[in-house]
Amino acid sequence: MNKFSLIISFISVFSIESFAQNKPIIANNGFTLTSPNLQENGTIQMKHVFDGFGCTGNNISPELNWVNPPEGTKSFALTVYDPDAPTGSGWWHWTVFNIPANIRSLRAGEKFTPIKTKGGVVSFGAVGEGRTDFGKPGYGGPCPPEGDKPHRYIFTIYALKEPKLLLNRDSSGAMVGYTLNANQLGKASITALFGRAAKQETKPKK
């Protein structure tokens, strides 16, 4: 086998493997997610922590910004996922889909109302939120069990090849995740941490 045939064979195998694993062949080309409220492997602030289940945060979603999506992107989607939750399947904290391709940021506490800019009004259109593991759509902040080591919270923005996905407010995190992986052109993530100290037992006075 000459060098040319060997190269062609390698490319063919790589392409088939990528297709079978549902991985995009194109490079992300600098597709990046950033936030003024989150640092990679940094601690999540209390204002973004859940309010309930023993947690006392403000449950405000962080500001998120992204740049350089892959060519051909027709919409975006966002997930927030805790792989360390003691459920056997992690915990979905937020799923958002059908974000228009012209959007490049979500405001802190985003409610998907129109954004007024110098150029006019930017609409979120048919954007939707799926059902989280809190049992309803919308952002639900971190609230790991007391005493666990800090959990990882993975914020991921997906660039998608379809302008609208057939998902709705009852779509589970697993269904959203499956659909996003089947339609992604690329993705970018930030992983931040949050943990709660174990309760100190109060010894009775003698």
N, C-alpha and C. Protein backbone atom coordinates (compact mmCIF):
# COMPACT_ATOMS: atom_id res chain seq x y z
N MET A 1 0.86 -1.20 0.00
CA MET A 1 0.00 0.00 0.00
C MET A 1 0.90 1.25 0.00
N ASN A 2 0.69 2.18 -0.99
CA ASN A 2 1.51 3.39 -1.03
C ASN A 2 1.00 4.41 -0.01
N LYS A 3 1.75 5.51 0.16
CA LYS A 3 1.42 6.51 1.18
C LYS A 3 0.06 7.15 0.92
N PHE A 4 -0.26 7.42 -0.36
CA PHE A 4 -1.54 8.04 -0.70
C PHE A 4 -2.71 7.17 -0.27
N SER A 5 -2.64 5.87 -0.58
CA SER A 5 -3.70 4.94 -0.22
C SER A 5 -3.85 4.84 1.29
N LEU A 6 -2.71 4.87 2.00
CA LEU A 6 -2.73 4.78 3.46
C LEU A 6 -3.43 5.99 4.06
N ILE A 7 -3.15 7.18 3.51
CA ILE A 7 -3.79 8.41 4.02
C ILE A 7 -5.29 8.37 3.78
N ILE A 8 -5.69 7.95 2.58
CA ILE A 8 -7.13 7.87 2.26
C ILE A 8 -7.83 6.89 3.19
N SER A 9 -7.19 5.75 3.46
CA SER A 9 -7.78 4.75 4.35
C SER A 9 -7.95 5.31 5.75
N PHE A 10 -6.94 6.06 6.23
CA PHE A 10 -7.00 6.65 7.57
C PHE A 10 -8.15 7.65 7.67
N ILE A 11 -8.28 8.51 6.65
CA ILE A 11 -9.36 9.51 6.65
C ILE A 11 -10.71 8.83 6.64
N SER A 12 -10.87 7.76 5.86
CA SER A 12 -12.14 7.05 5.78
C SER A 12 -12.52 6.44 7.12
N VAL A 13 -11.55 5.79 7.78
CA VAL A 13 -11.81 5.19 9.08
C VAL A 13 -12.18 6.24 10.10
N PHE A 14 -11.43 7.37 10.11
CA PHE A 14 -11.70 8.47 11.05
C PHE A 14 -13.11 9.02 10.85
N SER A 15 -13.50 9.21 9.58
CA SER A 15 -14.82 9.78 9.29
C SER A 15 -15.93 8.85 9.73
N ILE A 16 -15.79 7.53 9.45
CA ILE A 16 -16.81 6.55 9.84
C ILE A 16 -16.93 6.49 11.34
N GLU A 17 -15.77 6.49 12.05
CA GLU A 17 -15.79 6.43 13.51
C GLU A 17 -16.46 7.67 14.10
N SER A 18 -16.14 8.85 13.54
CA SER A 18 -16.73 10.09 14.02
C SER A 18 -18.24 10.08 13.82
N PHE A 19 -18.70 9.61 12.66
CA PHE A 19 -20.13 9.55 12.38
C PHE A 19 -20.82 8.58 13.33
N ALA A 20 -20.21 7.42 13.54
CA ALA A 20 -20.82 6.40 14.41
C ALA A 20 -20.95 6.89 15.84
N GLN A 21 -19.96 7.69 16.29
CA GLN A 21 -20.00 8.20 17.65
C GLN A 21 -20.72 9.54 17.72
N ASN A 22 -21.29 9.99 16.60
CA ASN A 22 -22.04 11.23 16.54
C ASN A 22 -21.18 12.44 16.91
N LYS A 23 -19.89 12.41 16.51
CA LYS A 23 -19.00 13.52 16.80
C LYS A 23 -18.82 14.36 15.54
N PRO A 24 -18.85 15.70 15.68
CA PRO A 24 -18.62 16.53 14.51
C PRO A 24 -17.18 16.40 14.03
N ILE A 25 -16.98 16.34 12.74
CA ILE A 25 -15.64 16.22 12.19
C ILE A 25 -14.96 17.59 12.15
N ILE A 26 -15.78 18.65 11.94
CA ILE A 26 -15.19 19.98 11.86
C ILE A 26 -14.64 20.41 13.22
N ALA A 27 -13.64 21.30 13.19
CA ALA A 27 -13.06 21.81 14.43
C ALA A 27 -13.93 22.92 15.00
N ASN A 28 -13.82 23.14 16.30
CA ASN A 28 -14.59 24.20 16.94
C ASN A 28 -14.08 25.59 16.57
N ASN A 29 -12.82 25.69 16.13
CA ASN A 29 -12.25 26.95 15.68
C ASN A 29 -12.41 28.08 16.69
N GLY A 30 -12.12 27.79 17.94
CA GLY A 30 -12.15 28.85 18.95
C GLY A 30 -13.49 29.08 19.60
N PHE A 31 -14.46 28.22 19.37
CA PHE A 31 -15.77 28.33 20.02
C PHE A 31 -15.55 28.29 21.53
N THR A 32 -15.93 29.37 22.22
CA THR A 32 -15.57 29.53 23.63
C THR A 32 -16.74 30.07 24.43
N LEU A 33 -16.91 29.56 25.64
CA LEU A 33 -17.92 30.05 26.59
C LEU A 33 -17.21 30.73 27.75
N THR A 34 -17.64 31.95 28.10
CA THR A 34 -17.06 32.67 29.22
C THR A 34 -18.17 33.25 30.09
N SER A 35 -17.78 33.67 31.29
CA SER A 35 -18.74 34.29 32.21
C SER A 35 -17.99 35.19 33.19
N PRO A 36 -18.51 36.39 33.46
CA PRO A 36 -17.90 37.23 34.49
C PRO A 36 -18.22 36.72 35.90
N ASN A 37 -19.16 35.77 35.99
CA ASN A 37 -19.60 35.24 37.28
C ASN A 37 -18.99 33.89 37.63
N LEU A 38 -18.34 33.23 36.65
CA LEU A 38 -17.81 31.88 36.86
C LEU A 38 -16.36 31.83 36.43
N GLN A 39 -15.56 31.08 37.18
CA GLN A 39 -14.19 30.80 36.79
C GLN A 39 -14.01 29.29 36.68
N GLU A 40 -13.22 28.85 35.70
CA GLU A 40 -12.96 27.43 35.54
C GLU A 40 -12.38 26.85 36.84
N ASN A 41 -13.06 25.84 37.36
CA ASN A 41 -12.70 25.18 38.63
C ASN A 41 -12.76 26.12 39.84
N GLY A 42 -13.44 27.27 39.66
CA GLY A 42 -13.63 28.18 40.78
C GLY A 42 -14.92 27.86 41.53
N THR A 43 -15.08 28.47 42.70
CA THR A 43 -16.27 28.24 43.52
C THR A 43 -17.43 29.12 43.06
N ILE A 44 -18.59 28.54 42.92
CA ILE A 44 -19.79 29.27 42.51
C ILE A 44 -20.27 30.15 43.66
N GLN A 45 -20.60 31.40 43.34
CA GLN A 45 -21.05 32.35 44.35
C GLN A 45 -22.45 32.00 44.86
N MET A 46 -22.74 32.42 46.10
CA MET A 46 -24.01 32.09 46.73
C MET A 46 -25.22 32.65 45.97
N LYS A 47 -25.03 33.73 45.24
CA LYS A 47 -26.18 34.29 44.52
C LYS A 47 -26.67 33.36 43.42
N HIS A 48 -25.81 32.40 43.00
CA HIS A 48 -26.20 31.46 41.95
C HIS A 48 -26.64 30.10 42.52
N VAL A 49 -26.59 29.96 43.85
CA VAL A 49 -26.93 28.70 44.52
C VAL A 49 -28.45 28.60 44.69
N PHE A 50 -28.95 27.37 44.72
CA PHE A 50 -30.38 27.10 44.85
C PHE A 50 -30.93 27.64 46.17
N ASP A 51 -32.20 27.97 46.16
CA ASP A 51 -32.90 28.40 47.37
C ASP A 51 -33.93 27.33 47.73
N GLY A 52 -33.53 26.39 48.55
CA GLY A 52 -34.39 25.26 48.90
C GLY A 52 -33.54 24.04 49.20
N PHE A 53 -34.17 22.95 49.63
CA PHE A 53 -33.44 21.72 49.96
C PHE A 53 -32.35 21.97 51.01
N GLY A 54 -32.55 22.98 51.84
CA GLY A 54 -31.54 23.31 52.84
C GLY A 54 -30.51 24.32 52.37
N CYS A 55 -30.55 24.71 51.10
CA CYS A 55 -29.64 25.72 50.57
C CYS A 55 -30.31 27.10 50.63
N THR A 56 -29.50 28.13 50.79
CA THR A 56 -30.05 29.48 51.00
C THR A 56 -29.45 30.49 50.04
N GLY A 57 -29.30 30.11 48.78
CA GLY A 57 -28.79 31.03 47.77
C GLY A 57 -29.90 31.87 47.17
N ASN A 58 -29.56 32.67 46.17
CA ASN A 58 -30.54 33.52 45.49
C ASN A 58 -31.08 32.90 44.21
N ASN A 59 -30.50 31.78 43.79
CA ASN A 59 -30.95 31.04 42.60
C ASN A 59 -31.02 31.92 41.35
N ILE A 60 -30.00 32.73 41.15
CA ILE A 60 -29.91 33.58 39.96
C ILE A 60 -28.91 32.95 38.99
N SER A 61 -29.33 32.71 37.78
CA SER A 61 -28.43 32.12 36.78
C SER A 61 -27.31 33.11 36.46
N PRO A 62 -26.10 32.63 36.19
CA PRO A 62 -24.98 33.53 35.87
C PRO A 62 -25.07 34.09 34.46
N GLU A 63 -24.39 35.18 34.24
CA GLU A 63 -24.25 35.72 32.88
C GLU A 63 -23.33 34.79 32.09
N LEU A 64 -23.71 34.53 30.84
CA LEU A 64 -22.92 33.64 29.98
C LEU A 64 -22.72 34.30 28.62
N ASN A 65 -21.52 34.19 28.07
CA ASN A 65 -21.19 34.77 26.77
C ASN A 65 -20.41 33.76 25.94
N TRP A 66 -20.64 33.75 24.63
CA TRP A 66 -19.90 32.83 23.77
C TRP A 66 -19.52 33.51 22.46
N VAL A 67 -18.43 33.02 21.87
CA VAL A 67 -17.90 33.59 20.63
C VAL A 67 -17.44 32.47 19.70
N ASN A 68 -17.30 32.82 18.43
CA ASN A 68 -16.72 31.94 17.40
C ASN A 68 -17.44 30.60 17.25
N PRO A 69 -18.76 30.60 17.09
CA PRO A 69 -19.44 29.32 16.84
C PRO A 69 -19.04 28.75 15.49
N PRO A 70 -19.17 27.45 15.31
CA PRO A 70 -18.81 26.83 14.03
C PRO A 70 -19.65 27.37 12.87
N GLU A 71 -19.08 27.35 11.70
CA GLU A 71 -19.80 27.77 10.50
C GLU A 71 -21.02 26.86 10.31
N GLY A 72 -22.14 27.45 9.95
CA GLY A 72 -23.36 26.68 9.72
C GLY A 72 -24.25 26.57 10.94
N THR A 73 -23.87 27.21 12.05
CA THR A 73 -24.70 27.16 13.26
C THR A 73 -26.04 27.84 13.00
N LYS A 74 -27.13 27.14 13.32
CA LYS A 74 -28.48 27.66 13.09
C LYS A 74 -29.24 27.93 14.39
N SER A 75 -28.72 27.44 15.50
CA SER A 75 -29.30 27.75 16.81
C SER A 75 -28.31 27.30 17.88
N PHE A 76 -28.61 27.69 19.13
CA PHE A 76 -27.79 27.28 20.27
C PHE A 76 -28.66 26.62 21.32
N ALA A 77 -28.03 25.87 22.20
CA ALA A 77 -28.70 25.30 23.36
C ALA A 77 -27.73 25.33 24.52
N LEU A 78 -28.26 25.32 25.73
CA LEU A 78 -27.44 25.39 26.93
C LEU A 78 -27.87 24.32 27.91
N THR A 79 -26.91 23.70 28.57
CA THR A 79 -27.22 22.78 29.67
C THR A 79 -26.33 23.11 30.86
N VAL A 80 -26.86 22.85 32.05
CA VAL A 80 -26.09 22.91 33.28
C VAL A 80 -26.29 21.57 33.97
N TYR A 81 -25.20 20.85 34.20
CA TYR A 81 -25.29 19.46 34.64
C TYR A 81 -24.28 19.17 35.75
N ASP A 82 -24.73 18.44 36.78
CA ASP A 82 -23.87 18.00 37.88
C ASP A 82 -23.65 16.50 37.76
N PRO A 83 -22.47 16.07 37.31
CA PRO A 83 -22.22 14.64 37.17
C PRO A 83 -21.94 13.94 38.50
N ASP A 84 -21.77 14.72 39.58
CA ASP A 84 -21.40 14.15 40.87
C ASP A 84 -22.60 13.92 41.80
N ALA A 85 -23.79 14.31 41.36
CA ALA A 85 -24.97 14.11 42.20
C ALA A 85 -25.16 12.62 42.49
N PRO A 86 -25.50 12.26 43.72
CA PRO A 86 -25.61 10.84 44.10
C PRO A 86 -26.92 10.20 43.65
N THR A 87 -27.14 10.21 42.34
CA THR A 87 -28.38 9.67 41.78
C THR A 87 -28.13 8.47 40.87
N GLY A 88 -26.88 8.29 40.44
CA GLY A 88 -26.58 7.27 39.44
C GLY A 88 -26.66 7.83 38.03
N SER A 89 -27.25 9.02 37.88
CA SER A 89 -27.39 9.62 36.55
C SER A 89 -27.15 11.13 36.58
N GLY A 90 -26.50 11.62 37.64
CA GLY A 90 -26.22 13.05 37.71
C GLY A 90 -27.48 13.85 38.00
N TRP A 91 -27.39 15.17 37.76
CA TRP A 91 -28.53 16.07 38.03
C TRP A 91 -28.52 17.20 37.00
N TRP A 92 -29.65 17.35 36.30
CA TRP A 92 -29.81 18.41 35.32
C TRP A 92 -30.35 19.66 36.01
N HIS A 93 -29.58 20.73 35.98
CA HIS A 93 -29.95 21.98 36.66
C HIS A 93 -30.60 23.00 35.73
N TRP A 94 -30.38 22.86 34.42
CA TRP A 94 -30.97 23.81 33.49
C TRP A 94 -30.78 23.29 32.09
N THR A 95 -31.82 23.35 31.28
CA THR A 95 -31.71 23.04 29.85
C THR A 95 -32.47 24.10 29.08
N VAL A 96 -31.80 24.67 28.09
CA VAL A 96 -32.39 25.73 27.26
C VAL A 96 -32.10 25.38 25.80
N PHE A 97 -33.08 25.54 24.94
CA PHE A 97 -32.90 25.17 23.53
C PHE A 97 -33.61 26.17 22.62
N ASN A 98 -33.30 26.08 21.32
CA ASN A 98 -33.86 26.96 20.31
C ASN A 98 -33.46 28.42 20.54
N ILE A 99 -32.24 28.63 21.04
CA ILE A 99 -31.72 29.99 21.16
C ILE A 99 -31.31 30.44 19.75
N PRO A 100 -31.82 31.57 19.25
CA PRO A 100 -31.51 31.99 17.88
C PRO A 100 -30.01 32.13 17.62
N ALA A 101 -29.63 31.91 16.39
CA ALA A 101 -28.21 31.90 16.01
C ALA A 101 -27.54 33.26 16.15
N ASN A 102 -28.32 34.35 16.23
CA ASN A 102 -27.72 35.68 16.37
C ASN A 102 -27.46 36.06 17.82
N ILE A 103 -27.90 35.24 18.77
CA ILE A 103 -27.70 35.52 20.19
C ILE A 103 -26.30 35.06 20.58
N ARG A 104 -25.61 35.87 21.39
CA ARG A 104 -24.26 35.52 21.84
C ARG A 104 -24.10 35.62 23.36
N SER A 105 -25.19 35.86 24.08
CA SER A 105 -25.06 35.98 25.53
C SER A 105 -26.41 35.77 26.20
N LEU A 106 -26.34 35.37 27.46
CA LEU A 106 -27.52 35.32 28.33
C LEU A 106 -27.20 36.19 29.54
N ARG A 107 -28.14 37.04 29.89
CA ARG A 107 -27.94 37.90 31.04
C ARG A 107 -28.07 37.12 32.34
N ALA A 108 -27.50 37.64 33.40
CA ALA A 108 -27.69 37.03 34.72
C ALA A 108 -29.18 37.06 35.05
N GLY A 109 -29.71 35.91 35.53
CA GLY A 109 -31.14 35.83 35.83
C GLY A 109 -32.01 35.88 34.60
N GLU A 110 -31.48 35.42 33.47
CA GLU A 110 -32.18 35.52 32.18
C GLU A 110 -33.59 34.93 32.23
N LYS A 111 -34.55 35.70 31.73
CA LYS A 111 -35.95 35.26 31.64
C LYS A 111 -36.42 35.19 30.19
N PHE A 112 -35.50 35.39 29.24
CA PHE A 112 -35.78 35.27 27.81
C PHE A 112 -36.84 36.25 27.32
N THR A 113 -36.74 37.46 27.83
CA THR A 113 -37.55 38.56 27.32
C THR A 113 -36.72 39.32 26.29
N PRO A 114 -37.34 40.08 25.39
CA PRO A 114 -36.58 40.78 24.35
C PRO A 114 -35.50 41.69 24.92
N ILE A 115 -34.37 41.78 24.21
CA ILE A 115 -33.26 42.63 24.61
C ILE A 115 -33.26 43.89 23.75
N LYS A 116 -33.27 45.06 24.39
CA LYS A 116 -33.18 46.32 23.66
C LYS A 116 -31.71 46.69 23.48
N THR A 117 -31.32 46.92 22.24
CA THR A 117 -29.94 47.32 21.93
C THR A 117 -29.96 48.60 21.10
N LYS A 118 -28.79 49.13 20.84
CA LYS A 118 -28.69 50.34 20.01
C LYS A 118 -29.22 50.08 18.61
N GLY A 119 -29.12 48.83 18.17
CA GLY A 119 -29.58 48.48 16.84
C GLY A 119 -31.05 48.09 16.77
N GLY A 120 -31.73 48.11 17.90
CA GLY A 120 -33.15 47.73 17.94
C GLY A 120 -33.41 46.73 19.04
N VAL A 121 -34.36 45.84 18.81
CA VAL A 121 -34.74 44.84 19.80
C VAL A 121 -34.36 43.46 19.30
N VAL A 122 -33.62 42.72 20.13
CA VAL A 122 -33.24 41.34 19.80
C VAL A 122 -34.22 40.41 20.49
N SER A 123 -34.87 39.55 19.73
CA SER A 123 -35.86 38.63 20.29
C SER A 123 -35.27 37.24 20.47
N PHE A 124 -35.72 36.55 21.53
CA PHE A 124 -35.30 35.17 21.74
C PHE A 124 -36.17 34.19 20.96
N GLY A 125 -37.22 34.68 20.31
CA GLY A 125 -38.04 33.84 19.45
C GLY A 125 -38.65 32.65 20.15
N ALA A 126 -38.40 31.44 19.60
CA ALA A 126 -39.04 30.22 20.09
C ALA A 126 -38.23 29.52 21.15
N VAL A 127 -37.38 30.24 21.87
CA VAL A 127 -36.54 29.61 22.89
C VAL A 127 -37.40 28.86 23.90
N GLY A 128 -36.91 27.71 24.34
CA GLY A 128 -37.66 26.90 25.32
C GLY A 128 -36.74 26.37 26.40
N GLU A 129 -37.33 25.98 27.52
CA GLU A 129 -36.60 25.38 28.63
C GLU A 129 -37.22 24.03 28.95
N GLY A 130 -36.38 23.02 29.16
CA GLY A 130 -36.87 21.69 29.48
C GLY A 130 -37.03 21.49 30.98
N ARG A 131 -37.59 20.34 31.33
CA ARG A 131 -37.81 20.00 32.74
C ARG A 131 -36.50 19.57 33.38
N THR A 132 -36.11 20.25 34.43
CA THR A 132 -34.89 19.89 35.15
C THR A 132 -35.19 18.79 36.16
N ASP A 133 -34.16 18.36 36.89
CA ASP A 133 -34.37 17.34 37.91
C ASP A 133 -34.98 17.91 39.19
N PHE A 134 -35.24 19.22 39.20
CA PHE A 134 -36.05 19.80 40.27
C PHE A 134 -37.54 19.62 39.97
N GLY A 135 -37.85 19.12 38.77
CA GLY A 135 -39.23 18.82 38.42
C GLY A 135 -39.93 19.87 37.61
N LYS A 136 -39.23 20.92 37.20
CA LYS A 136 -39.87 21.98 36.41
C LYS A 136 -38.82 22.68 35.55
N PRO A 137 -39.25 23.43 34.53
CA PRO A 137 -38.30 24.18 33.71
C PRO A 137 -37.70 25.35 34.48
N GLY A 138 -36.59 25.86 33.97
CA GLY A 138 -35.95 27.03 34.56
C GLY A 138 -34.68 26.67 35.30
N TYR A 139 -33.89 27.69 35.57
CA TYR A 139 -32.62 27.51 36.26
C TYR A 139 -32.82 27.07 37.69
N GLY A 140 -32.06 26.05 38.10
CA GLY A 140 -32.00 25.62 39.49
C GLY A 140 -30.55 25.52 39.88
N GLY A 141 -30.12 26.31 40.83
CA GLY A 141 -28.71 26.39 41.17
C GLY A 141 -28.18 25.20 41.94
N PRO A 142 -26.89 25.19 42.23
CA PRO A 142 -26.26 24.09 42.97
C PRO A 142 -26.86 23.92 44.36
N CYS A 143 -26.94 22.68 44.80
CA CYS A 143 -27.35 22.37 46.17
C CYS A 143 -26.97 20.92 46.48
N PRO A 144 -25.67 20.66 46.58
CA PRO A 144 -25.23 19.28 46.83
C PRO A 144 -25.47 18.87 48.28
N PRO A 145 -25.45 17.59 48.58
CA PRO A 145 -25.63 17.14 49.96
C PRO A 145 -24.53 17.69 50.88
N GLU A 146 -24.89 17.98 52.09
CA GLU A 146 -23.90 18.45 53.06
C GLU A 146 -22.83 17.39 53.27
N GLY A 147 -21.59 17.84 53.33
CA GLY A 147 -20.48 16.93 53.60
C GLY A 147 -19.87 16.30 52.37
N ASP A 148 -20.53 16.39 51.21
CA ASP A 148 -19.93 15.89 49.97
C ASP A 148 -18.74 16.77 49.59
N LYS A 149 -17.77 16.18 48.91
CA LYS A 149 -16.73 17.02 48.34
C LYS A 149 -17.40 17.91 47.28
N PRO A 150 -16.82 19.07 46.98
CA PRO A 150 -17.45 19.97 46.01
C PRO A 150 -17.84 19.27 44.72
N HIS A 151 -19.08 19.50 44.28
CA HIS A 151 -19.56 18.93 43.04
C HIS A 151 -19.13 19.81 41.86
N ARG A 152 -19.04 19.19 40.69
CA ARG A 152 -18.75 19.91 39.45
C ARG A 152 -20.06 20.31 38.78
N TYR A 153 -20.13 21.55 38.35
CA TYR A 153 -21.31 22.04 37.62
C TYR A 153 -20.82 22.49 36.25
N ILE A 154 -21.26 21.73 35.23
CA ILE A 154 -20.75 21.92 33.87
C ILE A 154 -21.77 22.74 33.07
N PHE A 155 -21.38 23.96 32.72
CA PHE A 155 -22.19 24.85 31.88
C PHE A 155 -21.72 24.65 30.45
N THR A 156 -22.59 24.18 29.56
CA THR A 156 -22.20 23.88 28.19
C THR A 156 -23.11 24.56 27.19
N ILE A 157 -22.51 25.28 26.25
CA ILE A 157 -23.27 25.86 25.14
C ILE A 157 -23.03 25.00 23.90
N TYR A 158 -24.09 24.64 23.22
CA TYR A 158 -24.03 23.80 22.02
C TYR A 158 -24.36 24.64 20.79
N ALA A 159 -23.57 24.51 19.75
CA ALA A 159 -23.90 25.07 18.44
C ALA A 159 -24.57 23.95 17.64
N LEU A 160 -25.73 24.24 17.08
CA LEU A 160 -26.56 23.20 16.47
C LEU A 160 -26.81 23.45 14.98
N LYS A 161 -27.01 22.34 14.26
CA LYS A 161 -27.24 22.42 12.82
C LYS A 161 -28.70 22.63 12.45
N GLU A 162 -29.60 22.60 13.44
CA GLU A 162 -31.03 22.80 13.19
C GLU A 162 -31.49 24.10 13.86
N PRO A 163 -32.39 24.84 13.22
CA PRO A 163 -32.88 26.10 13.82
C PRO A 163 -33.86 25.88 14.96
N LYS A 164 -34.54 24.73 14.96
CA LYS A 164 -35.52 24.46 16.01
C LYS A 164 -35.56 22.96 16.29
N LEU A 165 -35.50 22.61 17.56
CA LEU A 165 -35.57 21.21 17.98
C LEU A 165 -36.96 20.87 18.49
N LEU A 166 -37.37 19.62 18.30
CA LEU A 166 -38.70 19.19 18.74
C LEU A 166 -38.66 18.80 20.21
N LEU A 167 -38.45 19.81 21.05
CA LEU A 167 -38.41 19.63 22.49
C LEU A 167 -39.40 20.60 23.13
N ASN A 168 -39.78 20.34 24.37
CA ASN A 168 -40.72 21.23 25.04
C ASN A 168 -40.45 21.26 26.54
N ARG A 169 -41.32 21.92 27.31
CA ARG A 169 -41.10 22.10 28.74
C ARG A 169 -41.14 20.79 29.52
N ASP A 170 -41.68 19.74 28.92
CA ASP A 170 -41.73 18.43 29.58
C ASP A 170 -40.55 17.53 29.20
N SER A 171 -39.69 18.01 28.30
CA SER A 171 -38.54 17.20 27.87
C SER A 171 -37.54 17.08 29.02
N SER A 172 -37.19 15.84 29.36
CA SER A 172 -36.25 15.60 30.45
C SER A 172 -34.83 15.99 30.04
N GLY A 173 -33.95 16.09 31.03
CA GLY A 173 -32.56 16.38 30.73
C GLY A 173 -31.94 15.35 29.81
N ALA A 174 -32.27 14.08 30.03
CA ALA A 174 -31.73 13.01 29.19
C ALA A 174 -32.20 13.16 27.75
N MET A 175 -33.47 13.50 27.55
CA MET A 175 -33.98 13.68 26.20
C MET A 175 -33.34 14.89 25.53
N VAL A 176 -33.19 15.98 26.27
CA VAL A 176 -32.53 17.16 25.72
C VAL A 176 -31.09 16.83 25.35
N GLY A 177 -30.37 16.17 26.28
CA GLY A 177 -28.98 15.82 26.01
C GLY A 177 -28.82 14.95 24.78
N TYR A 178 -29.70 13.97 24.63
CA TYR A 178 -29.65 13.08 23.47
C TYR A 178 -29.86 13.87 22.17
N THR A 179 -30.84 14.76 22.19
CA THR A 179 -31.16 15.54 20.99
C THR A 179 -30.03 16.50 20.64
N LEU A 180 -29.42 17.11 21.65
CA LEU A 180 -28.31 18.04 21.39
C LEU A 180 -27.12 17.31 20.80
N ASN A 181 -26.77 16.17 21.34
CA ASN A 181 -25.63 15.41 20.82
C ASN A 181 -25.86 14.91 19.40
N ALA A 182 -27.13 14.70 19.05
CA ALA A 182 -27.46 14.25 17.69
C ALA A 182 -27.40 15.38 16.67
N ASN A 183 -27.40 16.63 17.15
CA ASN A 183 -27.48 17.78 16.24
C ASN A 183 -26.36 18.80 16.41
N GLN A 184 -25.36 18.49 17.22
CA GLN A 184 -24.34 19.49 17.50
C GLN A 184 -23.30 19.61 16.40
N LEU A 185 -22.85 20.84 16.21
CA LEU A 185 -21.70 21.13 15.36
C LEU A 185 -20.46 21.37 16.21
N GLY A 186 -20.67 21.73 17.46
CA GLY A 186 -19.58 21.99 18.38
C GLY A 186 -20.15 22.40 19.72
N LYS A 187 -19.30 22.42 20.74
CA LYS A 187 -19.74 22.82 22.06
C LYS A 187 -18.57 23.41 22.84
N ALA A 188 -18.91 24.21 23.85
CA ALA A 188 -17.91 24.82 24.71
C ALA A 188 -18.45 24.83 26.13
N SER A 189 -17.55 24.69 27.12
CA SER A 189 -18.01 24.52 28.50
C SER A 189 -17.17 25.31 29.50
N ILE A 190 -17.79 25.57 30.64
CA ILE A 190 -17.11 26.04 31.85
C ILE A 190 -17.52 25.09 32.96
N THR A 191 -16.57 24.62 33.75
CA THR A 191 -16.88 23.78 34.91
C THR A 191 -16.52 24.55 36.18
N ALA A 192 -17.52 24.78 37.03
CA ALA A 192 -17.32 25.46 38.30
C ALA A 192 -17.75 24.53 39.43
N LEU A 193 -17.35 24.85 40.65
CA LEU A 193 -17.52 23.95 41.79
C LEU A 193 -18.36 24.57 42.90
N PHE A 194 -19.04 23.69 43.64
CA PHE A 194 -19.74 24.14 44.85
C PHE A 194 -19.91 22.95 45.79
N GLY A 195 -19.68 23.20 47.07
CA GLY A 195 -19.87 22.17 48.09
C GLY A 195 -20.42 22.79 49.36
N ARG A 196 -20.95 21.93 50.23
CA ARG A 196 -21.48 22.38 51.52
C ARG A 196 -20.81 21.58 52.63
N ALA A 197 -20.40 22.28 53.67
CA ALA A 197 -19.74 21.62 54.78
C ALA A 197 -20.73 20.73 55.53
N ALA A 198 -20.20 19.68 56.13
CA ALA A 198 -21.04 18.78 56.95
C ALA A 198 -21.52 19.52 58.20
N LYS A 199 -22.70 19.19 58.63
CA LYS A 199 -23.23 19.79 59.86
C LYS A 199 -22.41 19.34 61.06
N GLN A 200 -22.13 20.28 61.93
CA GLN A 200 -21.42 19.96 63.17
C GLN A 200 -22.43 19.54 64.23
N GLU A 201 -22.24 18.35 64.75
CA GLU A 201 -23.15 17.87 65.79
C GLU A 201 -22.89 18.62 67.09
N THR A 202 -23.98 19.06 67.71
CA THR A 202 -23.86 19.76 68.99
C THR A 202 -23.97 18.76 70.13
N LYS A 203 -22.89 18.68 70.90
CA LYS A 203 -22.89 17.73 72.01
C LYS A 203 -23.67 18.30 73.20
N PRO A 204 -24.52 17.49 73.80
CA PRO A 204 -25.31 17.98 74.96
C PRO A 204 -24.39 18.30 76.13
N LYS A 205 -24.75 19.37 76.84
CA LYS A 205 -23.97 19.77 78.02
C LYS A 205 -24.22 18.79 79.16
N LYS A 206 -23.16 18.45 79.88
CA LYS A 206 -23.29 17.54 81.02
C LYS A 206 -23.60 18.32 82.31
